[in-house]
Amino acid sequence: MAEAIRNNLEELNSIFRFHRLFESGTSFTDVLDIKRFMAVPEDSFDPLLLSAVFGGAITYGIPTTFECINNPYYLLLYIEKGDVLIKSEESMLLKEKSMALFKPGVNFRFDTRSTPCFFHLFLLTGEPLRLYIQKPMEVIELKERHANAQLSYLQRLMLRQGADSGILRSRLLTDILTEAYLAVADTKVPSATPGIPAHIQDMKAILDTEYNSFLTLDNLEERLFVSKYRLCRQFKNYYGHSPLQYLNNLRIEQAKTLLEQTDISVNAVGCDVGIPNTSHFIKLFKRETTLTPAEYRKKKSS
C-alpha cells in the first residue's frame, strides 16, 4: 500500500510542477490534502468505462502557478471559486462555474488570478472520452449549481470499492460530461428560433403536442438528455413560465374549448387534456378561471 501511494505521488509530481509556491523545491503533492485529492484504489481500469485515475478538490489561499507537462490522461478542471488563467497555445480565463477539458498531452500553465481559489481537478481515462472532447482544449460555462456537488460526489466514489464502484463512477462521469457537451452544443447548433436553445424548443414542442399525456420533468430529462433543473431554468427564462405552469395553462385553454364546443362530461374533459383526477382538474380550472368547469360551460352557453 505504501509503495502504491508513493508511486501515485511520483506520477502526479511528474505531471504537475509548481512554478512558484512557498519556497523552491516544493512539489505539487506537498500541499495537497490527501483527504480531498486521491487516487482510485484499482490496479487496472476497464477501457470501455469512464474512470477517474486521480482527482479531487484543491484550495490555494495565495497566488499560485503550476505547469501540466506530458500528461497521459484526459483532464477535467472545474473552477468553483476564483478566477484562473490557463496559458497554452492560447490563453483562456476561467471564471467561477467554468469547466475546462483537455486531451492527453496538452501542456499548459495554471495561474490563479484571484484568491482564495477553490477548484476540482480530475485525471480521466476511458475510450468514450474521445466522444466528448474533440479539440485539444474546450472551455465550457456551466451555470448549474449542482456541478460542484456532482464532482464532490465523484470524489467520494473514488474511495468506494466493490463490484459496482467502477460502474457508478462511469455513470456519474457520463452525466457530467454529457452536460458539458450539451452546454457547448447550445452555443454551436443553429436554432430554429434565434437565441432559444434547440432542446428548449424541443421541450416546448413536446408540451404543445403531448399535453394530454402523462408528462413529468423526469420524463423530459430522459427524452432530451438535459437535466431537469437546467430545463426548468432555461424554459422559464425564454417563455416566462415554468414548464408546469405552461403545461397547466395549455391544458386549461384546451379544456375551455372542449367545454364550449362539446357536451362531454367534466370528467371526460379532464381526461382528454391530461388531468384524469377530476377533483384536481376542477380545482386547477377554478384557480385559473375563477369558475368551475360546469359554471364556465353554463356561462358560455347562456
Foldseek 3Di string as FASTA:
>chain_A
DVVVVVVVQVVVQVFKAWPDDDDPPDTPCNQDDCLFKHAQPDPDDDQAFKDFGIKGKDWDADKTKMKGAQAQFKKKKAWQAAWKWKDFVHIDIAHHQKMKIAHGGGIIMITTPDPRTMMMMTTIHHPCVCVLDPDRMDMFRGPDPCLVVLRSVLSVLSHDDDPCSRVVNRVSVVLNSLQRSVRVVQVPDQDPDPPQGNLLVVLVVCLLPVLLADDDLVVSCVVSVYHSVVSQVSNCVVPVDGSVVVSLVNLLVQLLVCLQPHDDDQQVSCNRRNRNPSVVQQVSNCVVVVHGSVRSSVVNVD
